Amino acid sequence: MKRAVITVIGHDTVGILARIAGECAVHKVNVLEVTQSVLQDMFVMMMMADVTACDIPFAEFAEKMAAMGKEMGLSVQAMNEEIFNAMHTI
């Protein structure tokens, strides 16, 4: 299984989780786990997703997610789990 970490940060609005999960579904990306919080008016979410069946190259999927985030006024990043782990290992 190839997994990715998707992070979302920005001002809270209705439908963020639905839009992000919907775009995952369009590209056959299975959301495995979700954690989210609203800190005052800031929305923070992290998703673990299985990208094994993704119907487009992962780099293209990551670009689409970032573009969707920009359109929504959010920071959305999708990265390979190994890269995420390497970035956060001391």
PDB file of N, CA and C in Angstrom:
ATOM      1  N   MET A   1       0.843  -1.173   0.000  1.00  0.00           N
ATOM      2  CA  MET A   1       0.000   0.000   0.000  1.00  0.00           C
ATOM      3  C   MET A   1       0.891   1.240   0.000  1.00  0.00           C
ATOM      4  N   LYS A   2       0.580   2.169  -0.883  1.00  0.00           N
ATOM      5  CA  LYS A   2       1.271   3.466  -0.909  1.00  0.00           C
ATOM      6  C   LYS A   2       0.374   4.462  -0.190  1.00  0.00           C
ATOM      7  N   ARG A   3       0.948   5.151   0.805  1.00  0.00           N
ATOM      8  CA  ARG A   3       0.149   6.089   1.581  1.00  0.00           C
ATOM      9  C   ARG A   3       0.682   7.508   1.443  1.00  0.00           C
ATOM     10  N   ALA A   4      -0.237   8.440   1.655  1.00  0.00           N
ATOM     11  CA  ALA A   4       0.104   9.860   1.607  1.00  0.00           C
ATOM     12  C   ALA A   4      -0.503  10.553   2.810  1.00  0.00           C
ATOM     13  N   VAL A   5       0.108  11.660   3.193  1.00  0.00           N
ATOM     14  CA  VAL A   5      -0.395  12.521   4.247  1.00  0.00           C
ATOM     15  C   VAL A   5      -0.903  13.794   3.576  1.00  0.00           C
ATOM     16  N   ILE A   6      -2.137  14.159   3.885  1.00  0.00           N
ATOM     17  CA  ILE A   6      -2.736  15.375   3.342  1.00  0.00           C
ATOM     18  C   ILE A   6      -3.007  16.299   4.519  1.00  0.00           C
ATOM     19  N   THR A   7      -2.448  17.508   4.468  1.00  0.00           N
ATOM     20  CA  THR A   7      -2.671  18.482   5.537  1.00  0.00           C
ATOM     21  C   THR A   7      -3.435  19.675   4.987  1.00  0.00           C
ATOM     22  N   VAL A   8      -4.302  20.218   5.825  1.00  0.00           N
ATOM     23  CA  VAL A   8      -5.131  21.365   5.448  1.00  0.00           C
ATOM     24  C   VAL A   8      -5.113  22.349   6.614  1.00  0.00           C
ATOM     25  N   ILE A   9      -4.798  23.601   6.314  1.00  0.00           N
ATOM     26  CA  ILE A   9      -4.757  24.646   7.336  1.00  0.00           C
ATOM     27  C   ILE A   9      -5.368  25.915   6.754  1.00  0.00           C
ATOM     28  N   GLY A  10      -6.209  26.567   7.522  1.00  0.00           N
ATOM     29  CA  GLY A  10      -6.772  27.835   7.082  1.00  0.00           C
ATOM     30  C   GLY A  10      -7.960  28.232   7.927  1.00  0.00           C
ATOM     31  N   HIS A  11      -8.617  29.322   7.551  1.00  0.00           N
ATOM     32  CA  HIS A  11      -9.791  29.788   8.277  1.00  0.00           C
ATOM     33  C   HIS A  11     -10.932  28.806   8.080  1.00  0.00           C
ATOM     34  N   ASP A  12     -11.644  28.514   9.151  1.00  0.00           N
ATOM     35  CA  ASP A  12     -12.728  27.540   9.132  1.00  0.00           C
ATOM     36  C   ASP A  12     -13.901  28.042   8.297  1.00  0.00           C
ATOM     37  N   THR A  13     -14.386  27.187   7.424  1.00  0.00           N
ATOM     38  CA  THR A  13     -15.600  27.443   6.644  1.00  0.00           C
ATOM     39  C   THR A  13     -16.340  26.119   6.488  1.00  0.00           C
ATOM     40  N   VAL A  14     -17.589  26.201   6.131  1.00  0.00           N
ATOM     41  CA  VAL A  14     -18.406  25.010   5.927  1.00  0.00           C
ATOM     42  C   VAL A  14     -17.923  24.255   4.689  1.00  0.00           C
ATOM     43  N   GLY A  15     -17.785  22.933   4.811  1.00  0.00           N
ATOM     44  CA  GLY A  15     -17.546  22.083   3.652  1.00  0.00           C
ATOM     45  C   GLY A  15     -16.104  21.747   3.338  1.00  0.00           C
ATOM     46  N   ILE A  16     -15.154  22.136   4.176  1.00  0.00           N
ATOM     47  CA  ILE A  16     -13.746  21.849   3.870  1.00  0.00           C
ATOM     48  C   ILE A  16     -13.513  20.349   3.767  1.00  0.00           C
ATOM     49  N   LEU A  17     -13.914  19.613   4.790  1.00  0.00           N
ATOM     50  CA  LEU A  17     -13.702  18.163   4.788  1.00  0.00           C
ATOM     51  C   LEU A  17     -14.385  17.519   3.588  1.00  0.00           C
ATOM     52  N   ALA A  18     -15.598  17.939   3.284  1.00  0.00           N
ATOM     53  CA  ALA A  18     -16.343  17.375   2.152  1.00  0.00           C
ATOM     54  C   ALA A  18     -15.628  17.619   0.824  1.00  0.00           C
ATOM     55  N   ARG A  19     -15.119  18.821   0.620  1.00  0.00           N
ATOM     56  CA  ARG A  19     -14.432  19.134  -0.650  1.00  0.00           C
ATOM     57  C   ARG A  19     -13.153  18.341  -0.798  1.00  0.00           C
ATOM     58  N   ILE A  20     -12.353  18.268   0.273  1.00  0.00           N
ATOM     59  CA  ILE A  20     -11.081  17.550   0.203  1.00  0.00           C
ATOM     60  C   ILE A  20     -11.337  16.055  -0.008  1.00  0.00           C
ATOM     61  N   ALA A  21     -12.237  15.482   0.785  1.00  0.00           N
ATOM     62  CA  ALA A  21     -12.552  14.060   0.648  1.00  0.00           C
ATOM     63  C   ALA A  21     -13.186  13.769  -0.712  1.00  0.00           C
ATOM     64  N   GLY A  22     -13.986  14.685  -1.212  1.00  0.00           N
ATOM     65  CA  GLY A  22     -14.606  14.517  -2.524  1.00  0.00           C
ATOM     66  C   GLY A  22     -13.576  14.453  -3.642  1.00  0.00           C
ATOM     67  N   GLU A  23     -12.579  15.323  -3.568  1.00  0.00           N
ATOM     68  CA  GLU A  23     -11.514  15.303  -4.583  1.00  0.00           C
ATOM     69  C   GLU A  23     -10.710  14.014  -4.486  1.00  0.00           C
ATOM     70  N   CYS A  24     -10.495  13.529  -3.272  1.00  0.00           N
ATOM     71  CA  CYS A  24      -9.822  12.229  -3.115  1.00  0.00           C
ATOM     72  C   CYS A  24     -10.634  11.141  -3.812  1.00  0.00           C
ATOM     73  N   ALA A  25     -11.930  11.126  -3.581  1.00  0.00           N
ATOM     74  CA  ALA A  25     -12.792  10.103  -4.179  1.00  0.00           C
ATOM     75  C   ALA A  25     -12.767  10.154  -5.707  1.00  0.00           C
ATOM     76  N   VAL A  26     -12.754  11.359  -6.257  1.00  0.00           N
ATOM     77  CA  VAL A  26     -12.707  11.512  -7.722  1.00  0.00           C
ATOM     78  C   VAL A  26     -11.503  10.782  -8.307  1.00  0.00           C
ATOM     79  N   HIS A  27     -10.389  10.801  -7.575  1.00  0.00           N
ATOM     80  CA  HIS A  27      -9.147  10.204  -8.080  1.00  0.00           C
ATOM     81  C   HIS A  27      -8.828   8.840  -7.465  1.00  0.00           C
ATOM     82  N   LYS A  28      -9.842   8.227  -6.844  1.00  0.00           N
ATOM     83  CA  LYS A  28      -9.711   6.878  -6.273  1.00  0.00           C
ATOM     84  C   LYS A  28      -8.673   6.808  -5.151  1.00  0.00           C
ATOM     85  N   VAL A  29      -8.558   7.898  -4.406  1.00  0.00           N
ATOM     86  CA  VAL A  29      -7.690   7.960  -3.235  1.00  0.00           C
ATOM     87  C   VAL A  29      -8.575   7.653  -2.025  1.00  0.00           C
ATOM     88  N   ASN A  30      -8.242   6.619  -1.280  1.00  0.00           N
ATOM     89  CA  ASN A  30      -9.044   6.179  -0.143  1.00  0.00           C
ATOM     90  C   ASN A  30      -8.561   6.843   1.140  1.00  0.00           C
ATOM     91  N   VAL A  31      -9.434   7.600   1.789  1.00  0.00           N
ATOM     92  CA  VAL A  31      -9.100   8.241   3.054  1.00  0.00           C
ATOM     93  C   VAL A  31      -9.174   7.185   4.155  1.00  0.00           C
ATOM     94  N   LEU A  32      -8.053   6.962   4.833  1.00  0.00           N
ATOM     95  CA  LEU A  32      -7.973   5.939   5.873  1.00  0.00           C
ATOM     96  C   LEU A  32      -8.265   6.497   7.255  1.00  0.00           C
ATOM     97  N   GLU A  33      -7.730   7.661   7.558  1.00  0.00           N
ATOM     98  CA  GLU A  33      -7.913   8.291   8.872  1.00  0.00           C
ATOM     99  C   GLU A  33      -7.967   9.796   8.694  1.00  0.00           C
ATOM    100  N   VAL A  34      -8.732  10.441   9.573  1.00  0.00           N
ATOM    101  CA  VAL A  34      -8.828  11.899   9.562  1.00  0.00           C
ATOM    102  C   VAL A  34      -8.797  12.399  11.001  1.00  0.00           C
ATOM    103  N   THR A  35      -8.033  13.445  11.218  1.00  0.00           N
ATOM    104  CA  THR A  35      -8.105  14.165  12.478  1.00  0.00           C
ATOM    105  C   THR A  35      -8.217  15.638  12.123  1.00  0.00           C
ATOM    106  N   GLN A  36      -9.083  16.332  12.836  1.00  0.00           N
ATOM    107  CA  GLN A  36      -9.260  17.755  12.567  1.00  0.00           C
ATOM    108  C   GLN A  36      -9.587  18.488  13.844  1.00  0.00           C
ATOM    109  N   SER A  37      -9.241  19.759  13.852  1.00  0.00           N
ATOM    110  CA  SER A  37      -9.531  20.628  14.992  1.00  0.00           C
ATOM    111  C   SER A  37      -9.841  22.013  14.465  1.00  0.00           C
ATOM    112  N   VAL A  38     -10.615  22.734  15.236  1.00  0.00           N
ATOM    113  CA  VAL A  38     -10.827  24.146  14.965  1.00  0.00           C
ATOM    114  C   VAL A  38     -10.304  24.878  16.191  1.00  0.00           C
ATOM    115  N   LEU A  39      -9.252  25.659  15.981  1.00  0.00           N
ATOM    116  CA  LEU A  39      -8.624  26.430  17.047  1.00  0.00           C
ATOM    117  C   LEU A  39      -9.007  27.889  16.833  1.00  0.00           C
ATOM    118  N   GLN A  40      -9.911  28.382  17.666  1.00  0.00           N
ATOM    119  CA  GLN A  40     -10.559  29.673  17.460  1.00  0.00           C
ATOM    120  C   GLN A  40     -11.200  29.633  16.083  1.00  0.00           C
ATOM    121  N   ASP A  41     -10.729  30.370  15.103  1.00  0.00           N
ATOM    122  CA  ASP A  41     -11.350  30.291  13.774  1.00  0.00           C
ATOM    123  C   ASP A  41     -10.447  29.603  12.747  1.00  0.00           C
ATOM    124  N   MET A  42      -9.394  28.938  13.225  1.00  0.00           N
ATOM    125  CA  MET A  42      -8.468  28.253  12.325  1.00  0.00           C
ATOM    126  C   MET A  42      -8.788  26.760  12.248  1.00  0.00           C
ATOM    127  N   PHE A  43      -8.922  26.260  11.038  1.00  0.00           N
ATOM    128  CA  PHE A  43      -9.202  24.856  10.771  1.00  0.00           C
ATOM    129  C   PHE A  43      -7.875  24.146  10.497  1.00  0.00           C
ATOM    130  N   VAL A  44      -7.672  23.006  11.143  1.00  0.00           N
ATOM    131  CA  VAL A  44      -6.454  22.211  10.944  1.00  0.00           C
ATOM    132  C   VAL A  44      -6.886  20.760  10.765  1.00  0.00           C
ATOM    133  N   MET A  45      -6.448  20.133   9.680  1.00  0.00           N
ATOM    134  CA  MET A  45      -6.827  18.748   9.418  1.00  0.00           C
ATOM    135  C   MET A  45      -5.635  17.978   8.865  1.00  0.00           C
ATOM    136  N   MET A  46      -5.549  16.723   9.270  1.00  0.00           N
ATOM    137  CA  MET A  46      -4.548  15.820   8.716  1.00  0.00           C
ATOM    138  C   MET A  46      -5.272  14.540   8.310  1.00  0.00           C
ATOM    139  N   MET A  47      -4.984  14.077   7.112  1.00  0.00           N
ATOM    140  CA  MET A  47      -5.561  12.842   6.600  1.00  0.00           C
ATOM    141  C   MET A  47      -4.442  11.873   6.243  1.00  0.00           C
ATOM    142  N   MET A  48      -4.678  10.605   6.516  1.00  0.00           N
ATOM    143  CA  MET A  48      -3.821   9.543   6.001  1.00  0.00           C
ATOM    144  C   MET A  48      -4.636   8.890   4.890  1.00  0.00           C
ATOM    145  N   ALA A  49      -4.050   8.758   3.712  1.00  0.00           N
ATOM    146  CA  ALA A  49      -4.785   8.249   2.568  1.00  0.00           C
ATOM    147  C   ALA A  49      -3.988   7.183   1.828  1.00  0.00           C
ATOM    148  N   ASP A  50      -4.714   6.210   1.300  1.00  0.00           N
ATOM    149  CA  ASP A  50      -4.117   5.170   0.462  1.00  0.00           C
ATOM    150  C   ASP A  50      -4.193   5.650  -0.983  1.00  0.00           C
ATOM    151  N   VAL A  51      -3.034   5.873  -1.596  1.00  0.00           N
ATOM    152  CA  VAL A  51      -2.982   6.383  -2.965  1.00  0.00           C
ATOM    153  C   VAL A  51      -2.622   5.290  -3.977  1.00  0.00           C
ATOM    154  N   THR A  52      -2.679   4.037  -3.550  1.00  0.00           N
ATOM    155  CA  THR A  52      -2.314   2.915  -4.416  1.00  0.00           C
ATOM    156  C   THR A  52      -3.115   2.924  -5.719  1.00  0.00           C
ATOM    157  N   ALA A  53      -4.415   3.211  -5.643  1.00  0.00           N
ATOM    158  CA  ALA A  53      -5.290   3.153  -6.822  1.00  0.00           C
ATOM    159  C   ALA A  53      -5.498   4.516  -7.477  1.00  0.00           C
ATOM    160  N   CYS A  54      -4.748   5.525  -7.069  1.00  0.00           N
ATOM    161  CA  CYS A  54      -4.914   6.872  -7.631  1.00  0.00           C
ATOM    162  C   CYS A  54      -4.836   6.807  -9.156  1.00  0.00           C
ATOM    163  N   ASP A  55      -5.798   7.461  -9.825  1.00  0.00           N
ATOM    164  CA  ASP A  55      -5.899   7.352 -11.283  1.00  0.00           C
ATOM    165  C   ASP A  55      -5.037   8.356 -12.049  1.00  0.00           C
ATOM    166  N   ILE A  56      -4.273   9.170 -11.335  1.00  0.00           N
ATOM    167  CA  ILE A  56      -3.338  10.108 -11.962  1.00  0.00           C
ATOM    168  C   ILE A  56      -2.013   9.997 -11.208  1.00  0.00           C
ATOM    169  N   PRO A  57      -0.908  10.453 -11.812  1.00  0.00           N
ATOM    170  CA  PRO A  57       0.370  10.430 -11.076  1.00  0.00           C
ATOM    171  C   PRO A  57       0.247  11.224  -9.771  1.00  0.00           C
ATOM    172  N   PHE A  58       0.931  10.742  -8.724  1.00  0.00           N
ATOM    173  CA  PHE A  58       0.803  11.376  -7.418  1.00  0.00           C
ATOM    174  C   PHE A  58       1.175  12.858  -7.454  1.00  0.00           C
ATOM    175  N   ALA A  59       2.203  13.225  -8.198  1.00  0.00           N
ATOM    176  CA  ALA A  59       2.608  14.641  -8.277  1.00  0.00           C
ATOM    177  C   ALA A  59       1.460  15.495  -8.823  1.00  0.00           C
ATOM    178  N   GLU A  60       0.736  14.970  -9.792  1.00  0.00           N
ATOM    179  CA  GLU A  60      -0.409  15.700 -10.349  1.00  0.00           C
ATOM    180  C   GLU A  60      -1.530  15.813  -9.309  1.00  0.00           C
ATOM    181  N   PHE A  61      -1.766  14.733  -8.568  1.00  0.00           N
ATOM    182  CA  PHE A  61      -2.773  14.762  -7.504  1.00  0.00           C
ATOM    183  C   PHE A  61      -2.407  15.824  -6.473  1.00  0.00           C
ATOM    184  N   ALA A  62      -1.149  15.849  -6.054  1.00  0.00           N
ATOM    185  CA  ALA A  62      -0.694  16.838  -5.070  1.00  0.00           C
ATOM    186  C   ALA A  62      -0.896  18.258  -5.593  1.00  0.00           C
ATOM    187  N   GLU A  63      -0.618  18.485  -6.868  1.00  0.00           N
ATOM    188  CA  GLU A  63      -0.817  19.810  -7.470  1.00  0.00           C
ATOM    189  C   GLU A  63      -2.297  20.183  -7.472  1.00  0.00           C
ATOM    190  N   LYS A  64      -3.166  19.228  -7.804  1.00  0.00           N
ATOM    191  CA  LYS A  64      -4.609  19.487  -7.798  1.00  0.00           C
ATOM    192  C   LYS A  64      -5.095  19.846  -6.398  1.00  0.00           C
ATOM    193  N   MET A  65      -4.585  19.145  -5.390  1.00  0.00           N
ATOM    194  CA  MET A  65      -4.994  19.429  -4.024  1.00  0.00           C
ATOM    195  C   MET A  65      -4.530  20.828  -3.602  1.00  0.00           C
ATOM    196  N   ALA A  66      -3.300  21.183  -3.951  1.00  0.00           N
ATOM    197  CA  ALA A  66      -2.778  22.513  -3.620  1.00  0.00           C
ATOM    198  C   ALA A  66      -3.595  23.604  -4.316  1.00  0.00           C
ATOM    199  N   ALA A  67      -3.953  23.376  -5.583  1.00  0.00           N
ATOM    200  CA  ALA A  67      -4.745  24.351  -6.339  1.00  0.00           C
ATOM    201  C   ALA A  67      -6.137  24.505  -5.728  1.00  0.00           C
ATOM    202  N   MET A  68      -6.737  23.396  -5.314  1.00  0.00           N
ATOM    203  CA  MET A  68      -8.042  23.459  -4.661  1.00  0.00           C
ATOM    204  C   MET A  68      -7.932  24.261  -3.368  1.00  0.00           C
ATOM    205  N   GLY A  69      -6.865  24.024  -2.625  1.00  0.00           N
ATOM    206  CA  GLY A  69      -6.653  24.766  -1.395  1.00  0.00           C
ATOM    207  C   GLY A  69      -6.544  26.257  -1.651  1.00  0.00           C
ATOM    208  N   LYS A  70      -5.775  26.609  -2.656  1.00  0.00           N
ATOM    209  CA  LYS A  70      -5.603  28.022  -2.990  1.00  0.00           C
ATOM    210  C   LYS A  70      -6.946  28.652  -3.341  1.00  0.00           C
ATOM    211  N   GLU A  71      -7.748  27.941  -4.123  1.00  0.00           N
ATOM    212  CA  GLU A  71      -9.075  28.412  -4.517  1.00  0.00           C
ATOM    213  C   GLU A  71      -9.967  28.627  -3.282  1.00  0.00           C
ATOM    214  N   MET A  72      -9.776  27.796  -2.253  1.00  0.00           N
ATOM    215  CA  MET A  72     -10.584  27.877  -1.030  1.00  0.00           C
ATOM    216  C   MET A  72      -9.962  28.777   0.032  1.00  0.00           C
ATOM    217  N   GLY A  73      -8.779  29.334  -0.253  1.00  0.00           N
ATOM    218  CA  GLY A  73      -8.090  30.175   0.720  1.00  0.00           C
ATOM    219  C   GLY A  73      -7.429  29.377   1.831  1.00  0.00           C
ATOM    220  N   LEU A  74      -7.015  28.144   1.500  1.00  0.00           N
ATOM    221  CA  LEU A  74      -6.406  27.233   2.466  1.00  0.00           C
ATOM    222  C   LEU A  74      -5.030  26.792   1.980  1.00  0.00           C
ATOM    223  N   SER A  75      -4.233  26.314   2.908  1.00  0.00           N
ATOM    224  CA  SER A  75      -2.991  25.635   2.550  1.00  0.00           C
ATOM    225  C   SER A  75      -3.285  24.141   2.568  1.00  0.00           C
ATOM    226  N   VAL A  76      -3.194  23.487   1.406  1.00  0.00           N
ATOM    227  CA  VAL A  76      -3.425  22.047   1.310  1.00  0.00           C
ATOM    228  C   VAL A  76      -2.177  21.421   0.706  1.00  0.00           C
ATOM    229  N   GLN A  77      -1.604  20.472   1.436  1.00  0.00           N
ATOM    230  CA  GLN A  77      -0.408  19.778   0.950  1.00  0.00           C
ATOM    231  C   GLN A  77      -0.649  18.276   0.998  1.00  0.00           C
ATOM    232  N   ALA A  78      -0.300  17.604  -0.072  1.00  0.00           N
ATOM    233  CA  ALA A  78      -0.332  16.143  -0.110  1.00  0.00           C
ATOM    234  C   ALA A  78       1.089  15.686  -0.364  1.00  0.00           C
ATOM    235  N   MET A  79       1.577  14.818   0.510  1.00  0.00           N
ATOM    236  CA  MET A  79       2.935  14.318   0.304  1.00  0.00           C
ATOM    237  C   MET A  79       3.015  12.843   0.633  1.00  0.00           C
ATOM    238  N   ASN A  80       3.930  12.191  -0.053  1.00  0.00           N
ATOM    239  CA  ASN A  80       4.205  10.781   0.169  1.00  0.00           C
ATOM    240  C   ASN A  80       4.541  10.569   1.636  1.00  0.00           C
ATOM    241  N   GLU A  81       4.035   9.489   2.208  1.00  0.00           N
ATOM    242  CA  GLU A  81       4.257   9.219   3.634  1.00  0.00           C
ATOM    243  C   GLU A  81       5.740   9.158   3.984  1.00  0.00           C
ATOM    244  N   GLU A  82       6.566   8.557   3.130  1.00  0.00           N
ATOM    245  CA  GLU A  82       7.995   8.459   3.441  1.00  0.00           C
ATOM    246  C   GLU A  82       8.645   9.839   3.505  1.00  0.00           C
ATOM    247  N   ILE A  83       8.264  10.726   2.608  1.00  0.00           N
ATOM    248  CA  ILE A  83       8.813  12.074   2.623  1.00  0.00           C
ATOM    249  C   ILE A  83       8.349  12.812   3.873  1.00  0.00           C
ATOM    250  N   PHE A  84       7.071  12.685   4.201  1.00  0.00           N
ATOM    251  CA  PHE A  84       6.541  13.315   5.419  1.00  0.00           C
ATOM    252  C   PHE A  84       7.304  12.828   6.644  1.00  0.00           C
ATOM    253  N   ASN A  85       7.494  11.522   6.755  1.00  0.00           N
ATOM    254  CA  ASN A  85       8.213  10.968   7.906  1.00  0.00           C
ATOM    255  C   ASN A  85       9.662  11.455   7.953  1.00  0.00           C
ATOM    256  N   ALA A  86      10.316  11.514   6.807  1.00  0.00           N
ATOM    257  CA  ALA A  86      11.710  11.982   6.764  1.00  0.00           C
ATOM    258  C   ALA A  86      11.811  13.443   7.195  1.00  0.00           C
ATOM    259  N   MET A  87      10.832  14.246   6.814  1.00  0.00           N
ATOM    260  CA  MET A  87      10.840  15.672   7.176  1.00  0.00           C
ATOM    261  C   MET A  87      10.633  15.879   8.667  1.00  0.00           C
ATOM    262  N   HIS A  88       9.978  14.923   9.328  1.00  0.00           N
ATOM    263  CA  HIS A  88       9.622  15.093  10.728  1.00  0.00           C
ATOM    264  C   HIS A  88      10.389  14.153  11.663  1.00  0.00           C
ATOM    265  N   THR A  89      11.530  13.678  11.182  1.00  0.00           N
ATOM    266  CA  THR A  89      12.382  12.820  12.014  1.00  0.00           C
ATOM    267  C   THR A  89      13.625  13.602  12.409  1.00  0.00           C
ATOM    268  N   ILE A  90      13.927  13.562  13.664  1.00  0.00           N
ATOM    269  CA  ILE A  90      15.122  14.285  14.154  1.00  0.00           C
ATOM    270  C   ILE A  90      16.270  13.319  14.273  1.00  0.00           C
TER     271      ILE A  90
END
